[in-house]
Structure formats: C-alpha cells, structure tokens
C-alpha cells in the first residue's frame, strides 16, 4: 500500500482584480463620432439619453468601457451591427403619407414598362409592402415592378423578410385589404407572399461602397432619415441618391427632412405633394 504525502500549502497569488469600467465623456464622444461617420446619424443631441443604454450594452457584452467598445466595433462586424440595431429607430406603419405612394405608382404606370423602386431606409418593410399593394391595385402585372428595401438595422430587415405585423401597424388598412394581402394568425398579420412578387430586402448602409453598385432606380423613397443627419451627411446622401437614380428619376423624402439646396435635383410641388426630380 502506498501513501502519498500531503503537499504543504503554498501561498497563492491573489487573483488579479478586473479592470474598472471606464465610461467617461471623452470616450463617449469618440464613440458617437465613429457611429456618425459610419451611419450618418448624429447622436450627440441624444447623448445623455443614450449613455445608460450604451453602458448596459457594454456590460452585456463584457466590455470595460466606451473606449473598449470603440476599439472592438471597428474589428468586430457582428458587435458593430448589434450596436447599430440598438441605436437606430424603426417606427412606421402601412400606407404612411399615402399621397406620395399613390403619386409614385401613378407616375410609374404612366411611363409603362418595368420599373425599379428603392426604399432607403425601409425599417421593418411597411413602406415596401404598401407600394407593392398600391401597384397591384392599380393594375401592375406581377414582376413588372421591382421594389428593394434596405436598412442598416439587421433586426428591422429580418422582420421585413418575415412579413409579420401587428394590428397597430395595419391600422390604416380596411378589412378588405387585410383579408386580401394578409393572413391573421394568433392576433398578428402575416403577408400572403404570392401577393408581393418583386419585393426584396437587404441589410445595407447607404454609405457603403456596395450601395453604389446597386442597379439604377426610377424612384427612391427616403423618408425621415435625413432628419438625423447634419448638413455634411445630408449632402452626401443626396449625392449618392443622384448617382443611383435614372435620368429624370424621382426622390421622395419625408415632410420633416430638410433636403440641402443642390443643382442635382429640381424640387417639384403639386399641391400637398412634393418630390425631387433628378437633373
């Protein structure tokens, strides 16, 4: 029988203490500046509101401060996307500002032939589906109209692709429209996919090079995005939209969007309707 001599206890080093989180104003400013450079969204006016959300985001992702977050999002695309999802807004509903949607569909039908429309940003897809519904009701043949919805928020695009919406989102639709284009399941409305030929969605940042590689469009809808941009990014946005529009193409913006003065577009006003025509 063998006995093993019990080892004497040796002094152990005290466990290293974790770095103390640093959530100072300087690093927060640098972080918000990076987000604006990446997405165009100026978050400085909402800095105090966002601060606690960003601290919680850091804690949930094992980050020790805004400086750590700033460093990691430049290399980690997944973490950066999660941050963008956190700070971007996606509030919309079906048939919003219908006068613009109807005018766009009527103009495209008048021109005839196939047409392409871009919704940027498309949020959770209500605008794209609304355009498709109006086009269908006006007599557009399937696949005659191609509508692409893009958004920087991947969660919004996932919801758009699923096509499941709440009663609140459909509050402007009558019962006939609901029954024609949706199936009501467990209190929610799921799109009838066969009714939405030509609709597609994609996660895409308008300031990425990939944006300018899209095929040209007849119409671009960009409603209530530029309200979050400063003058520099508004100008960049207008220039990029100009490059992707066909000659004579139209840009529809939200009523609150302040479009910078530019020789690239001519503003057209017809009663309550206004849009920008590519020069």
C-alpha atoms as a PDB file:
ATOM      1  CA  UNK A   1       0.000   0.000   0.000  1.00  0.00           C
ATOM      2  CA  UNK A   2       1.344   3.340  -0.913  1.00  0.00           C
ATOM      3  CA  UNK A   3       0.653   6.576   0.845  1.00  0.00           C
ATOM      4  CA  UNK A   4       1.149   9.911  -0.807  1.00  0.00           C
ATOM      5  CA  UNK A   5       2.470  12.605   1.362  1.00  0.00           C
ATOM      6  CA  UNK A   6       0.115  15.526   1.548  1.00  0.00           C
ATOM      7  CA  UNK A   7       1.652  18.545  -0.047  1.00  0.00           C
ATOM      8  CA  UNK A   8       2.091  21.530   2.145  1.00  0.00           C
ATOM      9  CA  UNK A   9       0.014  24.501   1.202  1.00  0.00           C
ATOM     10  CA  UNK A  10       1.929  27.103  -0.713  1.00  0.00           C
ATOM     11  CA  UNK A  11       0.985  30.732  -0.729  1.00  0.00           C
ATOM     12  CA  UNK A  12      -1.044  31.596  -3.807  1.00  0.00           C
ATOM     13  CA  UNK A  13      -1.075  34.842  -5.650  1.00  0.00           C
ATOM     14  CA  UNK A  14      -4.188  36.886  -5.050  1.00  0.00           C
ATOM     15  CA  UNK A  15      -6.491  36.842  -8.052  1.00  0.00           C
ATOM     16  CA  UNK A  16      -5.971  39.776 -10.332  1.00  0.00           C
ATOM     17  CA  UNK A  17      -8.724  42.321  -9.958  1.00  0.00           C
ATOM     18  CA  UNK A  18     -10.814  43.065 -13.042  1.00  0.00           C
ATOM     19  CA  UNK A  19     -10.200  46.378 -14.750  1.00  0.00           C
ATOM     20  CA  UNK A  20     -12.545  49.071 -13.540  1.00  0.00           C
ATOM     21  CA  UNK A  21     -15.056  50.084 -16.201  1.00  0.00           C
ATOM     22  CA  UNK A  22     -14.427  53.477 -17.746  1.00  0.00           C
ATOM     23  CA  UNK A  23     -17.450  55.354 -19.066  1.00  0.00           C
ATOM     24  CA  UNK A  24     -16.098  58.855 -19.412  1.00  0.00           C
ATOM     25  CA  UNK A  25     -17.369  61.664 -21.623  1.00  0.00           C
ATOM     26  CA  UNK A  26     -14.284  61.825 -23.845  1.00  0.00           C
ATOM     27  CA  UNK A  27     -14.581  58.213 -24.946  1.00  0.00           C
ATOM     28  CA  UNK A  28     -18.339  58.558 -25.343  1.00  0.00           C
ATOM     29  CA  UNK A  29     -17.805  61.485 -27.712  1.00  0.00           C
ATOM     30  CA  UNK A  30     -15.296  59.459 -29.738  1.00  0.00           C
ATOM     31  CA  UNK A  31     -17.738  56.555 -29.920  1.00  0.00           C
ATOM     32  CA  UNK A  32     -20.611  58.744 -31.112  1.00  0.00           C
ATOM     33  CA  UNK A  33     -18.359  60.390 -33.688  1.00  0.00           C
ATOM     34  CA  UNK A  34     -17.446  56.959 -35.075  1.00  0.00           C
ATOM     35  CA  UNK A  35     -21.119  55.962 -35.269  1.00  0.00           C
ATOM     36  CA  UNK A  36     -21.911  59.166 -37.163  1.00  0.00           C
ATOM     37  CA  UNK A  37     -19.023  58.603 -39.576  1.00  0.00           C
ATOM     38  CA  UNK A  38     -20.244  55.053 -40.184  1.00  0.00           C
ATOM     39  CA  UNK A  39     -24.003  55.633 -40.404  1.00  0.00           C
ATOM     40  CA  UNK A  40     -24.524  59.375 -40.824  1.00  0.00           C
ATOM     41  CA  UNK A  41     -26.679  59.523 -37.686  1.00  0.00           C
ATOM     42  CA  UNK A  42     -25.801  62.424 -35.382  1.00  0.00           C
ATOM     43  CA  UNK A  43     -26.392  61.113 -31.862  1.00  0.00           C
ATOM     44  CA  UNK A  44     -24.774  63.943 -29.911  1.00  0.00           C
ATOM     45  CA  UNK A  45     -28.105  65.669 -29.123  1.00  0.00           C
ATOM     46  CA  UNK A  46     -29.293  62.390 -27.548  1.00  0.00           C
ATOM     47  CA  UNK A  47     -26.016  61.683 -25.757  1.00  0.00           C
ATOM     48  CA  UNK A  48     -27.413  61.717 -22.237  1.00  0.00           C
ATOM     49  CA  UNK A  49     -30.370  59.531 -23.165  1.00  0.00           C
ATOM     50  CA  UNK A  50     -28.132  57.005 -24.920  1.00  0.00           C
ATOM     51  CA  UNK A  51     -25.416  56.911 -22.281  1.00  0.00           C
ATOM     52  CA  UNK A  52     -27.146  54.458 -19.943  1.00  0.00           C
ATOM     53  CA  UNK A  53     -28.204  52.232 -22.846  1.00  0.00           C
ATOM     54  CA  UNK A  54     -24.618  52.133 -24.081  1.00  0.00           C
ATOM     55  CA  UNK A  55     -23.306  51.342 -20.595  1.00  0.00           C
ATOM     56  CA  UNK A  56     -25.727  48.418 -20.372  1.00  0.00           C
ATOM     57  CA  UNK A  57     -24.693  47.313 -23.862  1.00  0.00           C
ATOM     58  CA  UNK A  58     -21.052  47.271 -22.751  1.00  0.00           C
ATOM     59  CA  UNK A  59     -21.845  45.311 -19.614  1.00  0.00           C
ATOM     60  CA  UNK A  60     -23.896  42.741 -21.527  1.00  0.00           C
ATOM     61  CA  UNK A  61     -21.034  42.229 -23.969  1.00  0.00           C
ATOM     62  CA  UNK A  62     -18.240  42.027 -21.389  1.00  0.00           C
ATOM     63  CA  UNK A  63     -16.693  45.343 -22.355  1.00  0.00           C
ATOM     64  CA  UNK A  64     -14.948  47.542 -19.804  1.00  0.00           C
ATOM     65  CA  UNK A  65     -15.934  50.945 -21.117  1.00  0.00           C
ATOM     66  CA  UNK A  66     -16.687  53.147 -24.089  1.00  0.00           C
ATOM     67  CA  UNK A  67     -13.051  53.032 -25.179  1.00  0.00           C
ATOM     68  CA  UNK A  68     -13.174  49.229 -25.244  1.00  0.00           C
ATOM     69  CA  UNK A  69     -16.420  49.335 -27.237  1.00  0.00           C
ATOM     70  CA  UNK A  70     -14.958  51.877 -29.645  1.00  0.00           C
ATOM     71  CA  UNK A  71     -11.981  49.598 -30.311  1.00  0.00           C
ATOM     72  CA  UNK A  72     -13.978  46.365 -30.643  1.00  0.00           C
ATOM     73  CA  UNK A  73     -16.666  47.604 -33.054  1.00  0.00           C
ATOM     74  CA  UNK A  74     -14.036  48.609 -35.598  1.00  0.00           C
ATOM     75  CA  UNK A  75     -12.877  44.995 -35.893  1.00  0.00           C
ATOM     76  CA  UNK A  76     -15.982  43.010 -34.930  1.00  0.00           C
ATOM     77  CA  UNK A  77     -18.703  43.404 -37.569  1.00  0.00           C
ATOM     78  CA  UNK A  78     -21.245  41.435 -35.523  1.00  0.00           C
ATOM     79  CA  UNK A  79     -20.763  43.625 -32.451  1.00  0.00           C
ATOM     80  CA  UNK A  80     -20.966  46.737 -34.623  1.00  0.00           C
ATOM     81  CA  UNK A  81     -24.224  45.527 -36.156  1.00  0.00           C
ATOM     82  CA  UNK A  82     -25.698  44.880 -32.709  1.00  0.00           C
ATOM     83  CA  UNK A  83     -24.765  48.408 -31.690  1.00  0.00           C
ATOM     84  CA  UNK A  84     -26.346  49.871 -34.819  1.00  0.00           C
ATOM     85  CA  UNK A  85     -29.502  47.856 -34.119  1.00  0.00           C
ATOM     86  CA  UNK A  86     -29.593  49.325 -30.623  1.00  0.00           C
ATOM     87  CA  UNK A  87     -29.389  52.969 -31.643  1.00  0.00           C
ATOM     88  CA  UNK A  88     -31.431  53.110 -34.857  1.00  0.00           C
ATOM     89  CA  UNK A  89     -35.156  53.849 -34.851  1.00  0.00           C
ATOM     90  CA  UNK A  90     -37.718  51.824 -36.808  1.00  0.00           C
ATOM     91  CA  UNK A  91     -41.161  53.300 -36.270  1.00  0.00           C
ATOM     92  CA  UNK A  92     -43.536  53.131 -39.238  1.00  0.00           C
ATOM     93  CA  UNK A  93     -46.860  51.711 -40.442  1.00  0.00           C
ATOM     94  CA  UNK A  94     -48.717  50.764 -43.624  1.00  0.00           C
ATOM     95  CA  UNK A  95     -49.935  53.484 -46.003  1.00  0.00           C
ATOM     96  CA  UNK A  96     -47.953  56.214 -44.304  1.00  0.00           C
ATOM     97  CA  UNK A  97     -48.098  59.526 -46.233  1.00  0.00           C
ATOM     98  CA  UNK A  98     -50.164  57.761 -48.878  1.00  0.00           C
ATOM     99  CA  UNK A  99     -50.268  60.738 -51.237  1.00  0.00           C
ATOM    100  CA  UNK A 100     -46.592  60.180 -52.095  1.00  0.00           C
ATOM    101  CA  UNK A 101     -47.026  56.428 -52.539  1.00  0.00           C
ATOM    102  CA  UNK A 102     -50.022  56.827 -54.834  1.00  0.00           C
ATOM    103  CA  UNK A 103     -48.315  59.533 -56.895  1.00  0.00           C
ATOM    104  CA  UNK A 104     -45.231  57.359 -57.362  1.00  0.00           C
ATOM    105  CA  UNK A 105     -47.269  54.374 -58.512  1.00  0.00           C
ATOM    106  CA  UNK A 106     -49.338  56.506 -60.899  1.00  0.00           C
ATOM    107  CA  UNK A 107     -46.207  58.033 -62.441  1.00  0.00           C
ATOM    108  CA  UNK A 108     -44.573  54.642 -62.951  1.00  0.00           C
ATOM    109  CA  UNK A 109     -47.717  53.211 -64.522  1.00  0.00           C
ATOM    110  CA  UNK A 110     -47.959  56.206 -66.846  1.00  0.00           C
ATOM    111  CA  UNK A 111     -44.394  55.627 -68.055  1.00  0.00           C
ATOM    112  CA  UNK A 112     -45.060  51.952 -68.724  1.00  0.00           C
ATOM    113  CA  UNK A 113     -42.578  49.088 -68.833  1.00  0.00           C
ATOM    114  CA  UNK A 114     -40.622  47.622 -65.980  1.00  0.00           C
ATOM    115  CA  UNK A 115     -39.641  49.838 -63.074  1.00  0.00           C
ATOM    116  CA  UNK A 116     -37.386  49.750 -60.030  1.00  0.00           C
ATOM    117  CA  UNK A 117     -38.032  51.457 -56.689  1.00  0.00           C
ATOM    118  CA  UNK A 118     -35.727  51.765 -53.688  1.00  0.00           C
ATOM    119  CA  UNK A 119     -36.886  52.310 -50.112  1.00  0.00           C
ATOM    120  CA  UNK A 120     -33.959  53.571 -48.019  1.00  0.00           C
ATOM    121  CA  UNK A 121     -34.360  53.121 -45.147  1.00  0.00           C
ATOM    122  CA  UNK A 122     -37.224  50.651 -45.262  1.00  0.00           C
ATOM    123  CA  UNK A 123     -37.380  49.937 -41.493  1.00  0.00           C
ATOM    124  CA  UNK A 124     -39.491  46.798 -40.976  1.00  0.00           C
ATOM    125  CA  UNK A 125     -40.898  46.809 -44.500  1.00  0.00           C
ATOM    126  CA  UNK A 126     -44.275  48.537 -44.244  1.00  0.00           C
ATOM    127  CA  UNK A 127     -43.421  51.121 -46.907  1.00  0.00           C
ATOM    128  CA  UNK A 128     -42.219  48.493 -49.373  1.00  0.00           C
ATOM    129  CA  UNK A 129     -45.277  46.297 -48.901  1.00  0.00           C
ATOM    130  CA  UNK A 130     -47.563  49.354 -49.133  1.00  0.00           C
ATOM    131  CA  UNK A 131     -46.061  50.312 -52.504  1.00  0.00           C
ATOM    132  CA  UNK A 132     -46.477  46.765 -53.756  1.00  0.00           C
ATOM    133  CA  UNK A 133     -50.125  46.695 -52.645  1.00  0.00           C
ATOM    134  CA  UNK A 134     -50.919  50.009 -54.321  1.00  0.00           C
ATOM    135  CA  UNK A 135     -49.174  48.892 -57.505  1.00  0.00           C
ATOM    136  CA  UNK A 136     -51.162  45.666 -57.550  1.00  0.00           C
ATOM    137  CA  UNK A 137     -54.440  47.540 -57.070  1.00  0.00           C
ATOM    138  CA  UNK A 138     -53.556  49.948 -59.896  1.00  0.00           C
ATOM    139  CA  UNK A 139     -53.084  47.080 -62.343  1.00  0.00           C
ATOM    140  CA  UNK A 140     -49.341  46.444 -62.347  1.00  0.00           C
ATOM    141  CA  UNK A 141     -48.611  42.975 -63.674  1.00  0.00           C
ATOM    142  CA  UNK A 142     -46.577  40.660 -61.376  1.00  0.00           C
ATOM    143  CA  UNK A 143     -42.820  41.277 -61.562  1.00  0.00           C
ATOM    144  CA  UNK A 144     -43.312  44.461 -63.594  1.00  0.00           C
ATOM    145  CA  UNK A 145     -42.381  46.473 -60.531  1.00  0.00           C
ATOM    146  CA  UNK A 146     -39.277  45.608 -58.514  1.00  0.00           C
ATOM    147  CA  UNK A 147     -39.093  47.128 -55.024  1.00  0.00           C
ATOM    148  CA  UNK A 148     -35.959  46.850 -52.900  1.00  0.00           C
ATOM    149  CA  UNK A 149     -35.989  47.803 -49.242  1.00  0.00           C
ATOM    150  CA  UNK A 150     -32.668  48.413 -47.486  1.00  0.00           C
ATOM    151  CA  UNK A 151     -31.847  49.325 -43.917  1.00  0.00           C
ATOM    152  CA  UNK A 152     -28.745  49.489 -41.751  1.00  0.00           C
ATOM    153  CA  UNK A 153     -30.640  47.714 -38.958  1.00  0.00           C
ATOM    154  CA  UNK A 154     -30.445  43.930 -39.429  1.00  0.00           C
ATOM    155  CA  UNK A 155     -33.276  43.239 -36.962  1.00  0.00           C
ATOM    156  CA  UNK A 156     -35.579  45.502 -38.960  1.00  0.00           C
ATOM    157  CA  UNK A 157     -34.702  43.660 -42.175  1.00  0.00           C
ATOM    158  CA  UNK A 158     -35.338  40.291 -40.526  1.00  0.00           C
ATOM    159  CA  UNK A 159     -38.791  41.478 -39.500  1.00  0.00           C
ATOM    160  CA  UNK A 160     -39.461  42.791 -43.008  1.00  0.00           C
ATOM    161  CA  UNK A 161     -38.468  39.460 -44.520  1.00  0.00           C
ATOM    162  CA  UNK A 162     -40.735  37.535 -42.143  1.00  0.00           C
ATOM    163  CA  UNK A 163     -43.641  39.795 -43.037  1.00  0.00           C
ATOM    164  CA  UNK A 164     -45.488  39.517 -39.729  1.00  0.00           C
ATOM    165  CA  UNK A 165     -47.147  42.676 -38.419  1.00  0.00           C
ATOM    166  CA  UNK A 166     -49.310  43.840 -35.542  1.00  0.00           C
ATOM    167  CA  UNK A 167     -52.828  45.232 -35.723  1.00  0.00           C
ATOM    168  CA  UNK A 168     -51.388  48.645 -34.894  1.00  0.00           C
ATOM    169  CA  UNK A 169     -49.116  48.575 -37.941  1.00  0.00           C
ATOM    170  CA  UNK A 170     -52.131  47.929 -40.179  1.00  0.00           C
ATOM    171  CA  UNK A 171     -54.447  50.486 -38.576  1.00  0.00           C
ATOM    172  CA  UNK A 172     -54.896  52.448 -41.833  1.00  0.00           C
ATOM    173  CA  UNK A 173     -55.966  49.405 -43.858  1.00  0.00           C
ATOM    174  CA  UNK A 174     -59.603  48.401 -44.282  1.00  0.00           C
ATOM    175  CA  UNK A 175     -60.796  44.842 -43.763  1.00  0.00           C
ATOM    176  CA  UNK A 176     -60.787  44.049 -47.479  1.00  0.00           C
ATOM    177  CA  UNK A 177     -57.107  44.968 -47.810  1.00  0.00           C
ATOM    178  CA  UNK A 178     -56.246  42.976 -44.709  1.00  0.00           C
ATOM    179  CA  UNK A 179     -58.048  39.868 -45.923  1.00  0.00           C
ATOM    180  CA  UNK A 180     -56.567  40.152 -49.441  1.00  0.00           C
ATOM    181  CA  UNK A 181     -52.925  40.669 -48.549  1.00  0.00           C
ATOM    182  CA  UNK A 182     -52.591  39.096 -45.087  1.00  0.00           C
ATOM    183  CA  UNK A 183     -53.448  36.022 -43.065  1.00  0.00           C
ATOM    184  CA  UNK A 184     -54.440  36.665 -39.472  1.00  0.00           C
ATOM    185  CA  UNK A 185     -52.711  34.178 -37.181  1.00  0.00           C
ATOM    186  CA  UNK A 186     -52.783  34.411 -33.392  1.00  0.00           C
ATOM    187  CA  UNK A 187     -53.649  38.083 -33.432  1.00  0.00           C
ATOM    188  CA  UNK A 188     -50.919  39.018 -35.929  1.00  0.00           C
ATOM    189  CA  UNK A 189     -50.981  39.560 -39.674  1.00  0.00           C
ATOM    190  CA  UNK A 190     -48.707  37.559 -41.977  1.00  0.00           C
ATOM    191  CA  UNK A 191     -48.283  38.631 -45.590  1.00  0.00           C
ATOM    192  CA  UNK A 192     -49.614  36.450 -48.395  1.00  0.00           C
ATOM    193  CA  UNK A 193     -46.296  36.086 -50.212  1.00  0.00           C
ATOM    194  CA  UNK A 194     -47.823  35.364 -53.601  1.00  0.00           C
ATOM    195  CA  UNK A 195     -49.289  38.883 -53.497  1.00  0.00           C
ATOM    196  CA  UNK A 196     -45.889  40.550 -53.217  1.00  0.00           C
ATOM    197  CA  UNK A 197     -43.948  39.492 -56.298  1.00  0.00           C
ATOM    198  CA  UNK A 198     -40.853  41.595 -56.930  1.00  0.00           C
ATOM    199  CA  UNK A 199     -40.338  42.625 -53.287  1.00  0.00           C
ATOM    200  CA  UNK A 200     -36.904  42.139 -51.730  1.00  0.00           C
ATOM    201  CA  UNK A 201     -34.987  43.283 -48.642  1.00  0.00           C
ATOM    202  CA  UNK A 202     -31.308  43.691 -47.836  1.00  0.00           C
ATOM    203  CA  UNK A 203     -29.165  44.898 -44.929  1.00  0.00           C
ATOM    204  CA  UNK A 204     -27.194  47.761 -46.429  1.00  0.00           C
ATOM    205  CA  UNK A 205     -25.641  51.037 -45.311  1.00  0.00           C
ATOM    206  CA  UNK A 206     -26.130  53.839 -47.846  1.00  0.00           C
ATOM    207  CA  UNK A 207     -22.571  54.993 -47.133  1.00  0.00           C
ATOM    208  CA  UNK A 208     -21.056  51.617 -48.057  1.00  0.00           C
ATOM    209  CA  UNK A 209     -19.423  51.235 -51.472  1.00  0.00           C
ATOM    210  CA  UNK A 210     -21.820  48.325 -52.118  1.00  0.00           C
ATOM    211  CA  UNK A 211     -24.712  50.782 -52.144  1.00  0.00           C
ATOM    212  CA  UNK A 212     -23.439  52.462 -55.301  1.00  0.00           C
ATOM    213  CA  UNK A 213     -23.158  49.072 -57.023  1.00  0.00           C
ATOM    214  CA  UNK A 214     -26.935  48.591 -56.967  1.00  0.00           C
ATOM    215  CA  UNK A 215     -28.765  48.750 -60.291  1.00  0.00           C
ATOM    216  CA  UNK A 216     -30.285  52.190 -61.076  1.00  0.00           C
ATOM    217  CA  UNK A 217     -33.770  53.046 -59.840  1.00  0.00           C
ATOM    218  CA  UNK A 218     -36.684  55.025 -61.265  1.00  0.00           C
ATOM    219  CA  UNK A 219     -37.744  56.198 -57.814  1.00  0.00           C
ATOM    220  CA  UNK A 220     -36.073  56.401 -54.409  1.00  0.00           C
ATOM    221  CA  UNK A 221     -38.064  56.793 -51.218  1.00  0.00           C
ATOM    222  CA  UNK A 222     -36.052  58.101 -48.282  1.00  0.00           C
ATOM    223  CA  UNK A 223     -38.446  59.382 -45.694  1.00  0.00           C
ATOM    224  CA  UNK A 224     -37.451  60.583 -42.233  1.00  0.00           C
ATOM    225  CA  UNK A 225     -33.800  59.543 -42.413  1.00  0.00           C
ATOM    226  CA  UNK A 226     -32.084  62.845 -43.156  1.00  0.00           C
ATOM    227  CA  UNK A 227     -33.629  64.405 -40.049  1.00  0.00           C
ATOM    228  CA  UNK A 228     -30.916  62.526 -38.130  1.00  0.00           C
ATOM    229  CA  UNK A 229     -28.071  63.829 -40.332  1.00  0.00           C
ATOM    230  CA  UNK A 230     -26.062  67.029 -40.187  1.00  0.00           C
ATOM    231  CA  UNK A 231     -25.560  69.161 -43.307  1.00  0.00           C
ATOM    232  CA  UNK A 232     -22.458  67.236 -44.424  1.00  0.00           C
ATOM    233  CA  UNK A 233     -24.169  63.847 -44.382  1.00  0.00           C
ATOM    234  CA  UNK A 234     -27.352  65.240 -45.910  1.00  0.00           C
ATOM    235  CA  UNK A 235     -25.276  66.403 -48.865  1.00  0.00           C
ATOM    236  CA  UNK A 236     -23.536  63.023 -49.129  1.00  0.00           C
ATOM    237  CA  UNK A 237     -26.900  61.299 -49.077  1.00  0.00           C
ATOM    238  CA  UNK A 238     -28.330  63.451 -51.857  1.00  0.00           C
ATOM    239  CA  UNK A 239     -25.241  62.900 -53.997  1.00  0.00           C
ATOM    240  CA  UNK A 240     -25.446  59.127 -53.564  1.00  0.00           C
ATOM    241  CA  UNK A 241     -29.131  59.019 -54.393  1.00  0.00           C
ATOM    242  CA  UNK A 242     -28.436  61.107 -57.509  1.00  0.00           C
ATOM    243  CA  UNK A 243     -25.923  58.506 -58.709  1.00  0.00           C
ATOM    244  CA  UNK A 244     -28.427  55.666 -58.311  1.00  0.00           C
ATOM    245  CA  UNK A 245     -31.388  57.351 -59.966  1.00  0.00           C
ATOM    246  CA  UNK A 246     -32.093  57.055 -63.665  1.00  0.00           C
ATOM    247  CA  UNK A 247     -32.280  60.273 -65.669  1.00  0.00           C
ATOM    248  CA  UNK A 248     -35.455  62.098 -64.712  1.00  0.00           C
ATOM    249  CA  UNK A 249     -35.913  59.806 -61.715  1.00  0.00           C
ATOM    250  CA  UNK A 250     -37.678  60.954 -58.576  1.00  0.00           C
ATOM    251  CA  UNK A 251     -36.664  61.225 -54.933  1.00  0.00           C
ATOM    252  CA  UNK A 252     -39.425  61.293 -52.331  1.00  0.00           C
ATOM    253  CA  UNK A 253     -38.478  62.465 -48.835  1.00  0.00           C
ATOM    254  CA  UNK A 254     -40.333  62.916 -45.559  1.00  0.00           C
ATOM    255  CA  UNK A 255     -42.011  66.203 -44.670  1.00  0.00           C
ATOM    256  CA  UNK A 256     -39.552  66.736 -41.815  1.00  0.00           C
ATOM    257  CA  UNK A 257     -36.481  66.047 -43.963  1.00  0.00           C
ATOM    258  CA  UNK A 258     -34.533  69.187 -44.812  1.00  0.00           C
ATOM    259  CA  UNK A 259     -33.016  68.450 -48.217  1.00  0.00           C
ATOM    260  CA  UNK A 260     -29.970  70.647 -48.900  1.00  0.00           C
ATOM    261  CA  UNK A 261     -30.044  73.042 -51.819  1.00  0.00           C
ATOM    262  CA  UNK A 262     -28.342  71.303 -54.735  1.00  0.00           C
ATOM    263  CA  UNK A 263     -28.112  71.605 -58.532  1.00  0.00           C
ATOM    264  CA  UNK A 264     -28.515  67.814 -58.722  1.00  0.00           C
ATOM    265  CA  UNK A 265     -32.277  67.933 -58.200  1.00  0.00           C
ATOM    266  CA  UNK A 266     -35.209  70.170 -59.001  1.00  0.00           C
ATOM    267  CA  UNK A 267     -37.908  70.365 -56.350  1.00  0.00           C
ATOM    268  CA  UNK A 268     -41.420  69.886 -57.719  1.00  0.00           C
ATOM    269  CA  UNK A 269     -44.505  70.881 -55.726  1.00  0.00           C
ATOM    270  CA  UNK A 270     -48.026  69.927 -56.737  1.00  0.00           C
ATOM    271  CA  UNK A 271     -50.488  70.958 -54.047  1.00  0.00           C
ATOM    272  CA  UNK A 272     -49.709  68.880 -50.947  1.00  0.00           C
ATOM    273  CA  UNK A 273     -47.346  66.657 -52.925  1.00  0.00           C
ATOM    274  CA  UNK A 274     -43.651  67.396 -53.338  1.00  0.00           C
ATOM    275  CA  UNK A 275     -40.690  65.433 -54.654  1.00  0.00           C
ATOM    276  CA  UNK A 276     -37.242  65.974 -56.191  1.00  0.00           C
ATOM    277  CA  UNK A 277     -36.520  65.255 -59.839  1.00  0.00           C
ATOM    278  CA  UNK A 278     -33.020  64.302 -60.982  1.00  0.00           C
ATOM    279  CA  UNK A 279     -31.493  66.914 -63.241  1.00  0.00           C
END
